[in-house]
Amino acid sequence: MPVISRFYGVIIKMYFSQSEHNPPHLHAIYGDYMGAIDIRTGEMIEGDLPNRALKMVKEWTSLHREELMKIWETQEFTEITPLD
């Protein structure tokens, strides 16, 4: 799973596989926690991210939604600027 971005201990990854399923989502890893985040809504669809990490991921996803959707649709890996 390629790393898309890293910030404040959060690692953002996305699968690049023909078998990847909808809805378009990314994977956020924070220590031992992980969450699958819907790119379109920013909501956690699966996982156990702590509230603080989830809020940061939601903010970052909102800022980069178009870039994330382009990656999802084209399956072309690009790194995205971390959260400041």
N, C-alpha and C. Protein backbone atom coordinates (compact mmCIF):
# COMPACT_ATOMS: atom_id res chain seq x y z
N MET A 1 0.85 -1.17 0.00
CA MET A 1 0.00 0.00 0.00
C MET A 1 0.90 1.24 0.00
N PRO A 2 0.89 2.02 -1.07
CA PRO A 2 1.74 3.22 -1.11
C PRO A 2 1.32 4.27 -0.07
N VAL A 3 2.32 4.94 0.48
CA VAL A 3 2.06 6.03 1.43
C VAL A 3 1.77 7.30 0.64
N ILE A 4 0.62 7.92 0.91
CA ILE A 4 0.20 9.15 0.24
C ILE A 4 0.70 10.38 1.01
N SER A 5 0.67 10.29 2.36
CA SER A 5 1.09 11.41 3.19
C SER A 5 1.37 10.94 4.61
N ARG A 6 2.09 11.76 5.36
CA ARG A 6 2.36 11.52 6.79
C ARG A 6 2.28 12.85 7.52
N PHE A 7 1.61 12.85 8.65
CA PHE A 7 1.55 14.06 9.48
C PHE A 7 1.15 13.70 10.90
N TYR A 8 1.80 14.33 11.86
CA TYR A 8 1.49 14.19 13.30
C TYR A 8 1.31 12.73 13.73
N GLY A 9 2.14 11.85 13.21
CA GLY A 9 2.07 10.44 13.58
C GLY A 9 1.03 9.64 12.81
N VAL A 10 0.33 10.27 11.89
CA VAL A 10 -0.68 9.59 11.06
C VAL A 10 -0.04 9.27 9.71
N ILE A 11 -0.25 8.05 9.25
CA ILE A 11 0.21 7.63 7.94
C ILE A 11 -1.02 7.37 7.08
N ILE A 12 -1.05 7.99 5.90
CA ILE A 12 -2.17 7.83 4.98
C ILE A 12 -1.72 6.95 3.82
N LYS A 13 -2.48 5.87 3.57
CA LYS A 13 -2.16 4.94 2.49
C LYS A 13 -3.40 4.70 1.65
N MET A 14 -3.16 4.21 0.42
CA MET A 14 -4.27 3.85 -0.44
C MET A 14 -3.87 2.60 -1.22
N TYR A 15 -4.78 1.65 -1.33
CA TYR A 15 -4.53 0.46 -2.13
C TYR A 15 -4.55 0.80 -3.60
N PHE A 16 -3.73 0.10 -4.37
CA PHE A 16 -3.72 0.24 -5.82
C PHE A 16 -3.90 -1.15 -6.39
N SER A 17 -5.14 -1.59 -6.41
CA SER A 17 -5.45 -2.95 -6.84
C SER A 17 -6.74 -2.97 -7.63
N GLN A 18 -6.79 -3.78 -8.66
CA GLN A 18 -8.01 -3.92 -9.46
C GLN A 18 -9.17 -4.39 -8.60
N SER A 19 -8.88 -5.15 -7.57
CA SER A 19 -9.95 -5.71 -6.75
C SER A 19 -10.43 -4.77 -5.64
N GLU A 20 -9.83 -3.56 -5.55
CA GLU A 20 -10.24 -2.63 -4.50
C GLU A 20 -11.71 -2.28 -4.66
N HIS A 21 -12.38 -2.17 -3.57
CA HIS A 21 -13.82 -2.00 -3.56
C HIS A 21 -14.22 -0.55 -3.27
N ASN A 22 -15.46 -0.23 -3.59
CA ASN A 22 -16.03 1.08 -3.29
C ASN A 22 -16.62 1.08 -1.90
N PRO A 23 -16.89 2.19 -1.26
CA PRO A 23 -16.71 3.53 -1.78
C PRO A 23 -15.23 3.91 -1.82
N PRO A 24 -14.90 4.95 -2.61
CA PRO A 24 -13.51 5.41 -2.64
C PRO A 24 -13.05 5.76 -1.22
N HIS A 25 -11.93 5.19 -0.80
CA HIS A 25 -11.49 5.40 0.57
C HIS A 25 -9.97 5.34 0.68
N LEU A 26 -9.48 5.79 1.81
CA LEU A 26 -8.07 5.71 2.14
C LEU A 26 -7.94 5.01 3.48
N HIS A 27 -6.73 4.64 3.81
CA HIS A 27 -6.45 3.99 5.08
C HIS A 27 -5.55 4.90 5.90
N ALA A 28 -5.96 5.18 7.12
CA ALA A 28 -5.18 6.02 8.03
C ALA A 28 -4.69 5.14 9.17
N ILE A 29 -3.40 5.21 9.44
CA ILE A 29 -2.78 4.42 10.49
C ILE A 29 -2.18 5.38 11.50
N TYR A 30 -2.49 5.13 12.77
CA TYR A 30 -2.00 5.97 13.86
C TYR A 30 -1.59 5.03 14.99
N GLY A 31 -0.29 4.76 15.10
CA GLY A 31 0.18 3.79 16.09
C GLY A 31 -0.41 2.42 15.79
N ASP A 32 -1.09 1.85 16.77
CA ASP A 32 -1.72 0.54 16.60
C ASP A 32 -3.13 0.63 16.05
N TYR A 33 -3.60 1.83 15.76
CA TYR A 33 -4.97 2.04 15.29
C TYR A 33 -5.01 2.21 13.78
N MET A 34 -6.13 1.84 13.19
CA MET A 34 -6.30 2.00 11.76
C MET A 34 -7.75 2.31 11.44
N GLY A 35 -7.96 3.11 10.41
CA GLY A 35 -9.32 3.41 9.97
C GLY A 35 -9.38 3.54 8.47
N ALA A 36 -10.49 3.09 7.90
CA ALA A 36 -10.78 3.30 6.48
C ALA A 36 -11.69 4.52 6.42
N ILE A 37 -11.28 5.53 5.64
CA ILE A 37 -11.98 6.80 5.59
C ILE A 37 -12.57 6.99 4.19
N ASP A 38 -13.87 7.25 4.12
CA ASP A 38 -14.54 7.54 2.85
C ASP A 38 -14.03 8.88 2.34
N ILE A 39 -13.46 8.90 1.14
CA ILE A 39 -12.89 10.13 0.60
C ILE A 39 -13.98 11.18 0.38
N ARG A 40 -15.14 10.78 -0.08
CA ARG A 40 -16.20 11.75 -0.41
C ARG A 40 -16.80 12.41 0.82
N THR A 41 -16.91 11.67 1.93
CA THR A 41 -17.58 12.22 3.11
C THR A 41 -16.62 12.54 4.26
N GLY A 42 -15.45 11.91 4.27
CA GLY A 42 -14.50 12.07 5.37
C GLY A 42 -14.85 11.23 6.59
N GLU A 43 -15.91 10.44 6.49
CA GLU A 43 -16.34 9.61 7.62
C GLU A 43 -15.56 8.29 7.68
N MET A 44 -15.33 7.80 8.89
CA MET A 44 -14.67 6.51 9.07
C MET A 44 -15.69 5.41 8.79
N ILE A 45 -15.41 4.56 7.82
CA ILE A 45 -16.34 3.49 7.46
C ILE A 45 -15.96 2.17 8.12
N GLU A 46 -14.75 2.13 8.66
CA GLU A 46 -14.30 0.93 9.35
C GLU A 46 -13.07 1.30 10.16
N GLY A 47 -12.92 0.71 11.33
CA GLY A 47 -11.71 0.90 12.10
C GLY A 47 -11.92 1.48 13.49
N ASP A 48 -10.79 1.89 14.10
CA ASP A 48 -10.82 2.30 15.50
C ASP A 48 -9.89 3.48 15.79
N LEU A 49 -9.77 4.42 14.84
CA LEU A 49 -8.91 5.58 15.09
C LEU A 49 -9.41 6.38 16.30
N PRO A 50 -8.49 6.84 17.13
CA PRO A 50 -8.89 7.72 18.23
C PRO A 50 -9.46 9.02 17.67
N ASN A 51 -10.31 9.66 18.43
CA ASN A 51 -10.99 10.89 18.01
C ASN A 51 -10.04 11.96 17.48
N ARG A 52 -8.96 12.19 18.20
CA ARG A 52 -8.00 13.24 17.81
C ARG A 52 -7.42 12.96 16.43
N ALA A 53 -6.99 11.72 16.19
CA ALA A 53 -6.42 11.35 14.90
C ALA A 53 -7.49 11.42 13.81
N LEU A 54 -8.69 10.98 14.12
CA LEU A 54 -9.78 11.01 13.14
C LEU A 54 -10.09 12.45 12.71
N LYS A 55 -10.10 13.37 13.65
CA LYS A 55 -10.36 14.77 13.31
C LYS A 55 -9.30 15.31 12.36
N MET A 56 -8.03 14.98 12.60
CA MET A 56 -6.96 15.43 11.72
C MET A 56 -7.11 14.83 10.32
N VAL A 57 -7.45 13.56 10.27
CA VAL A 57 -7.62 12.88 8.97
C VAL A 57 -8.80 13.47 8.22
N LYS A 58 -9.89 13.75 8.92
CA LYS A 58 -11.06 14.36 8.27
C LYS A 58 -10.70 15.73 7.69
N GLU A 59 -9.97 16.53 8.45
CA GLU A 59 -9.57 17.86 7.98
C GLU A 59 -8.68 17.73 6.75
N TRP A 60 -7.69 16.84 6.81
CA TRP A 60 -6.77 16.64 5.70
C TRP A 60 -7.51 16.13 4.46
N THR A 61 -8.42 15.18 4.66
CA THR A 61 -9.20 14.64 3.55
C THR A 61 -10.03 15.73 2.88
N SER A 62 -10.63 16.59 3.68
CA SER A 62 -11.42 17.69 3.15
C SER A 62 -10.57 18.63 2.30
N LEU A 63 -9.36 18.92 2.75
CA LEU A 63 -8.46 19.82 2.03
C LEU A 63 -7.97 19.23 0.70
N HIS A 64 -7.90 17.90 0.63
CA HIS A 64 -7.29 17.24 -0.53
C HIS A 64 -8.23 16.30 -1.27
N ARG A 65 -9.54 16.50 -1.11
CA ARG A 65 -10.53 15.59 -1.70
C ARG A 65 -10.34 15.39 -3.20
N GLU A 66 -10.15 16.46 -3.95
CA GLU A 66 -10.00 16.34 -5.40
C GLU A 66 -8.77 15.52 -5.77
N GLU A 67 -7.65 15.78 -5.11
CA GLU A 67 -6.43 15.02 -5.37
C GLU A 67 -6.61 13.54 -5.04
N LEU A 68 -7.27 13.28 -3.93
CA LEU A 68 -7.50 11.89 -3.51
C LEU A 68 -8.41 11.15 -4.49
N MET A 69 -9.45 11.83 -4.97
CA MET A 69 -10.34 11.20 -5.95
C MET A 69 -9.61 10.93 -7.26
N LYS A 70 -8.72 11.83 -7.65
CA LYS A 70 -7.95 11.62 -8.87
C LYS A 70 -7.06 10.38 -8.72
N ILE A 71 -6.41 10.25 -7.56
CA ILE A 71 -5.58 9.07 -7.31
C ILE A 71 -6.44 7.81 -7.37
N TRP A 72 -7.60 7.85 -6.72
CA TRP A 72 -8.50 6.69 -6.70
C TRP A 72 -8.90 6.30 -8.12
N GLU A 73 -9.29 7.28 -8.92
CA GLU A 73 -9.80 7.01 -10.27
C GLU A 73 -8.71 6.60 -11.26
N THR A 74 -7.53 7.20 -11.15
CA THR A 74 -6.47 6.91 -12.13
C THR A 74 -5.52 5.82 -11.65
N GLN A 75 -5.51 5.55 -10.35
CA GLN A 75 -4.57 4.61 -9.75
C GLN A 75 -3.12 5.03 -9.99
N GLU A 76 -2.91 6.35 -10.12
CA GLU A 76 -1.56 6.90 -10.28
C GLU A 76 -1.12 7.49 -8.95
N PHE A 77 -0.09 6.91 -8.37
CA PHE A 77 0.41 7.31 -7.06
C PHE A 77 1.05 8.69 -7.10
N THR A 78 0.64 9.56 -6.19
CA THR A 78 1.31 10.84 -5.97
C THR A 78 1.27 11.13 -4.47
N GLU A 79 2.31 11.73 -3.97
CA GLU A 79 2.31 12.14 -2.57
C GLU A 79 1.53 13.45 -2.45
N ILE A 80 0.87 13.62 -1.32
CA ILE A 80 0.06 14.81 -1.07
C ILE A 80 0.63 15.52 0.16
N THR A 81 0.62 16.84 0.11
CA THR A 81 1.14 17.68 1.19
C THR A 81 0.51 17.28 2.52
N PRO A 82 1.33 17.17 3.57
CA PRO A 82 0.80 16.83 4.89
C PRO A 82 0.00 17.98 5.50
N LEU A 83 -0.71 17.67 6.56
CA LEU A 83 -1.46 18.66 7.32
C LEU A 83 -0.47 19.55 8.07
N ASP A 84 -0.67 20.85 8.02
CA ASP A 84 0.22 21.79 8.72
C ASP A 84 -0.19 21.96 10.15
